[in-house]
Amino acid sequence: MTLRVVVADDQTLVRTGFRMIIDAREDLEVVGEASDGREAVRLTRELAPDVVLMDVRMPVLDGIQATRRIVASGSRARVLVLTTWDVDAHVVAALRAGASGFLLKDIRPGELVDAIRVTARGDALLAPSVLSRVLDRFLRTTPDPAPPPSLKDLSAREREVLTLIGQALSNAEIAERLRLSEATVKNHVTAVLRKLNLRDRVQAVVAAYDHGLVRPRRP
């Protein structure tokens, strides 16, 4: 199955470069390009891509607001935010808006296509250390204006699993820690996402931080 991708960036050169990398793979295809956030929202609605590569800083509508609108529309598209290290605060805002992860703009071609495939599957995109470092630094200094989803419907085991997801552990690592089968852990993860109405594992990490299940590391 070919994965459909929309590239949203206000720089033509960046869009062209990403298109060349993506279209060179047999299982990936760029189906649309957007030069601003509003166009990204429109193309996502019209073209139903699997993944949207979304720049943060764009005219008309920025990438964070565009991500929020795409997620609110009920689209199945996963959003990957394109950024540089000097806009980490925007990354957290984008994750809270519903983005499934983020990429550095100087990512290598092979890493880019792997990231698209991973995100389309609904898996966590980022290396645990990268995600944890960004959240540790910014999550407590950029409070979410919306209250986090209630944990009252989670069982004790599901809360435990959510805590370990927040620590960026994989299913295999959680299974080893809790002495469960990996299949059982996968079922718990699915239940957590469903009960909290979360799109993917990255959103679960944010929820774990917001509820204080995981605390930022001291510098």
Protein backbone atom coordinates (compact mmCIF):
# COMPACT_ATOMS: atom_id res chain seq x y z
CA MET A 1 0.00 0.00 0.00
CA THR A 2 1.30 3.44 -0.94
CA LEU A 3 1.36 6.01 1.86
CA ARG A 4 -0.01 9.39 0.82
CA VAL A 5 1.81 12.49 2.07
CA VAL A 6 1.04 16.22 2.08
CA VAL A 7 4.02 18.55 2.53
CA ALA A 8 3.27 21.94 4.14
CA ASP A 9 6.07 24.52 4.16
CA ASP A 10 6.21 28.12 2.97
CA GLN A 11 9.60 27.58 1.31
CA THR A 12 9.37 26.13 -2.19
CA LEU A 13 12.89 24.72 -2.01
CA VAL A 14 12.08 22.78 1.16
CA ARG A 15 8.89 21.34 -0.33
CA THR A 16 10.70 20.35 -3.52
CA GLY A 17 13.46 18.64 -1.58
CA PHE A 18 11.04 16.63 0.53
CA ARG A 19 9.03 15.66 -2.55
CA MET A 20 12.13 14.33 -4.31
CA ILE A 21 13.08 12.23 -1.28
CA ILE A 22 9.57 10.88 -0.71
CA ASP A 23 8.62 10.20 -4.32
CA ALA A 24 11.83 8.21 -4.82
CA ARG A 25 10.36 5.47 -2.59
CA GLU A 26 7.93 2.98 -4.09
CA ASP A 27 5.69 2.92 -1.02
CA LEU A 28 5.45 6.72 -0.56
CA GLU A 29 3.84 9.45 -2.64
CA VAL A 30 3.46 13.22 -2.21
CA VAL A 31 -0.13 13.96 -3.18
CA GLY A 32 -0.13 17.67 -2.36
CA GLU A 33 1.97 20.68 -1.36
CA ALA A 34 0.82 23.59 0.81
CA SER A 35 2.57 26.92 1.28
CA ASP A 36 0.55 27.97 4.34
CA GLY A 37 -1.46 26.41 7.14
CA ARG A 38 -4.88 27.14 5.68
CA GLU A 39 -3.94 25.39 2.45
CA ALA A 40 -2.60 22.45 4.46
CA VAL A 41 -5.97 22.07 6.19
CA ARG A 42 -7.81 22.25 2.87
CA LEU A 43 -5.55 19.73 1.14
CA THR A 44 -5.80 17.34 4.07
CA ARG A 45 -9.58 17.48 3.83
CA GLU A 46 -9.64 17.05 0.04
CA LEU A 47 -6.82 14.53 -0.46
CA ALA A 48 -7.11 12.41 2.72
CA PRO A 49 -3.36 11.80 3.16
CA ASP A 50 -1.90 9.36 5.65
CA VAL A 51 0.74 11.81 6.89
CA VAL A 52 1.16 15.60 6.80
CA LEU A 53 4.64 17.09 7.12
CA MET A 54 3.86 20.43 8.78
CA ASP A 55 6.17 23.41 9.16
CA VAL A 56 5.53 25.48 12.29
CA ARG A 57 6.12 28.97 10.97
CA MET A 58 3.92 29.64 7.96
CA PRO A 59 1.83 32.61 6.80
CA VAL A 60 -1.97 32.93 6.95
CA LEU A 61 -2.27 30.10 9.49
CA ASP A 62 0.68 28.69 11.42
CA GLY A 63 1.43 24.99 11.65
CA ILE A 64 0.17 24.65 15.21
CA GLN A 65 -3.26 26.07 14.42
CA ALA A 66 -3.39 24.04 11.21
CA THR A 67 -2.59 20.88 13.16
CA ARG A 68 -5.32 21.66 15.67
CA ARG A 69 -7.88 22.11 12.87
CA ILE A 70 -6.86 18.89 11.13
CA VAL A 71 -7.16 16.89 14.34
CA ALA A 72 -10.47 18.53 15.28
CA SER A 73 -11.89 17.66 11.86
CA GLY A 74 -11.56 13.96 12.64
CA SER A 75 -9.04 13.38 9.87
CA ARG A 76 -7.10 10.12 10.09
CA ALA A 77 -3.96 11.93 8.88
CA ARG A 78 -0.99 11.92 11.25
CA VAL A 79 0.85 15.23 11.53
CA LEU A 80 4.64 15.45 11.77
CA VAL A 81 5.88 18.89 12.74
CA LEU A 82 8.98 20.22 11.00
CA THR A 83 11.16 22.33 13.27
CA THR A 84 14.62 23.32 14.47
CA TRP A 85 15.96 23.13 18.02
CA ASP A 86 15.41 26.85 18.62
CA VAL A 87 11.62 26.45 18.49
CA ASP A 88 11.19 23.67 21.04
CA ALA A 89 8.38 25.57 22.79
CA HIS A 90 6.40 25.43 19.57
CA VAL A 91 6.96 21.68 19.43
CA VAL A 92 5.17 21.16 22.74
CA ALA A 93 2.29 23.35 21.57
CA ALA A 94 2.09 21.28 18.39
CA LEU A 95 2.08 18.01 20.32
CA ARG A 96 -0.74 19.31 22.47
CA ALA A 97 -2.58 20.36 19.32
CA GLY A 98 -2.52 16.72 18.23
CA ALA A 99 0.71 16.29 16.26
CA SER A 100 2.10 12.76 16.28
CA GLY A 101 5.71 13.87 16.57
CA PHE A 102 8.29 16.21 15.15
CA LEU A 103 11.30 16.20 12.87
CA LEU A 104 14.35 18.40 12.57
CA LYS A 105 14.55 20.06 9.17
CA ASP A 106 18.08 18.76 8.64
CA ILE A 107 16.91 15.15 8.95
CA ARG A 108 18.64 12.65 6.67
CA PRO A 109 16.62 11.29 3.73
CA GLY A 110 16.51 7.76 5.09
CA GLU A 111 15.37 8.98 8.49
CA LEU A 112 12.63 11.07 6.90
CA VAL A 113 11.06 8.18 5.02
CA ASP A 114 11.37 5.90 8.05
CA ALA A 115 9.65 8.55 10.17
CA ILE A 116 6.76 8.77 7.73
CA ARG A 117 6.29 5.00 7.77
CA VAL A 118 6.49 4.78 11.56
CA THR A 119 4.03 7.62 12.06
CA ALA A 120 1.56 6.20 9.56
CA ARG A 121 1.48 3.02 11.67
CA GLY A 122 0.57 5.10 14.72
CA ASP A 123 3.82 4.35 16.55
CA ALA A 124 5.94 6.84 18.47
CA LEU A 125 8.19 8.71 16.09
CA LEU A 126 10.88 10.09 18.34
CA ALA A 127 13.78 8.52 20.08
CA PRO A 128 12.78 8.40 23.76
CA SER A 129 15.67 10.62 24.85
CA VAL A 130 14.71 13.36 22.38
CA LEU A 131 11.04 13.40 23.34
CA SER A 132 11.78 13.30 27.05
CA ARG A 133 14.31 16.12 26.79
CA VAL A 134 11.87 18.42 25.01
CA LEU A 135 9.02 17.65 27.40
CA ASP A 136 11.24 17.93 30.47
CA ARG A 137 12.35 21.38 29.40
CA PHE A 138 9.10 22.94 28.28
CA LEU A 139 5.98 21.09 29.43
CA ARG A 140 5.87 22.61 32.91
CA THR A 141 6.61 26.12 31.63
CA THR A 142 3.91 26.05 28.94
CA PRO A 143 0.74 24.92 30.74
CA ASP A 144 -2.02 23.49 28.61
CA PRO A 145 -5.07 25.82 28.57
CA ALA A 146 -7.33 22.77 28.31
CA PRO A 147 -7.59 20.31 31.23
CA PRO A 148 -5.99 16.91 30.59
CA PRO A 149 -8.30 13.92 30.08
CA SER A 150 -9.50 12.32 33.30
CA LEU A 151 -7.84 9.10 34.40
CA LYS A 152 -10.87 7.90 36.37
CA ASP A 153 -11.78 5.26 33.78
CA LEU A 154 -8.33 3.69 33.80
CA SER A 155 -7.66 0.57 35.83
CA ALA A 156 -4.69 0.50 38.19
CA ARG A 157 -2.74 -1.53 35.64
CA GLU A 158 -3.60 0.89 32.84
CA ARG A 159 -2.39 3.83 34.94
CA GLU A 160 0.82 1.92 35.52
CA VAL A 161 1.22 1.34 31.79
CA LEU A 162 0.53 5.03 31.07
CA THR A 163 3.22 6.02 33.56
CA LEU A 164 5.76 3.79 31.82
CA ILE A 165 4.72 5.14 28.41
CA GLY A 166 5.43 8.58 29.86
CA GLN A 167 8.92 7.37 30.69
CA ALA A 168 9.30 6.58 26.96
CA LEU A 169 9.48 2.81 27.44
CA SER A 170 8.63 0.54 24.52
CA ASN A 171 6.02 -2.21 24.79
CA ALA A 172 8.78 -4.77 25.17
CA GLU A 173 10.39 -2.78 27.98
CA ILE A 174 7.05 -2.32 29.74
CA ALA A 175 6.36 -6.04 29.43
CA GLU A 176 9.70 -6.83 31.05
CA ARG A 177 9.17 -4.28 33.82
CA LEU A 178 5.67 -5.54 34.68
CA ARG A 179 6.37 -9.20 33.93
CA LEU A 180 3.60 -9.36 31.34
CA SER A 181 3.52 -10.62 27.78
CA GLU A 182 4.10 -8.02 25.09
CA ALA A 183 0.65 -8.82 23.64
CA THR A 184 -0.96 -8.03 27.00
CA VAL A 185 0.90 -4.73 27.20
CA LYS A 186 -0.24 -3.86 23.69
CA ASN A 187 -3.84 -4.46 24.76
CA HIS A 188 -3.37 -2.18 27.77
CA VAL A 189 -1.86 0.55 25.58
CA THR A 190 -4.79 0.30 23.18
CA ALA A 191 -7.22 0.59 26.11
CA VAL A 192 -5.42 3.65 27.48
CA LEU A 193 -5.53 5.43 24.13
CA ARG A 194 -9.20 4.60 23.67
CA LYS A 195 -10.33 5.59 27.16
CA LEU A 196 -8.41 8.88 27.10
CA ASN A 197 -9.35 9.59 23.48
CA LEU A 198 -5.70 9.92 22.47
CA ARG A 199 -4.51 9.57 18.90
CA ASP A 200 -1.21 7.83 19.53
CA ARG A 201 1.62 7.05 21.90
CA VAL A 202 3.14 10.53 21.72
CA GLN A 203 -0.12 12.00 22.99
CA ALA A 204 -0.05 9.47 25.82
CA VAL A 205 3.40 10.73 26.85
CA VAL A 206 2.06 14.29 27.02
CA ALA A 207 -0.94 13.11 29.08
CA ALA A 208 1.35 11.31 31.52
CA TYR A 209 3.33 14.52 32.05
CA ASP A 210 0.19 16.66 32.35
CA HIS A 211 -1.16 14.39 35.11
CA GLY A 212 2.11 14.37 37.00
CA LEU A 213 2.62 10.64 36.49
CA VAL A 214 6.04 11.53 35.11
CA ARG A 215 7.96 14.48 36.46
CA PRO A 216 10.56 16.54 34.60
CA ARG A 217 14.09 15.59 35.50
CA ARG A 218 16.11 18.07 37.50
CA PRO A 219 18.83 19.80 35.46
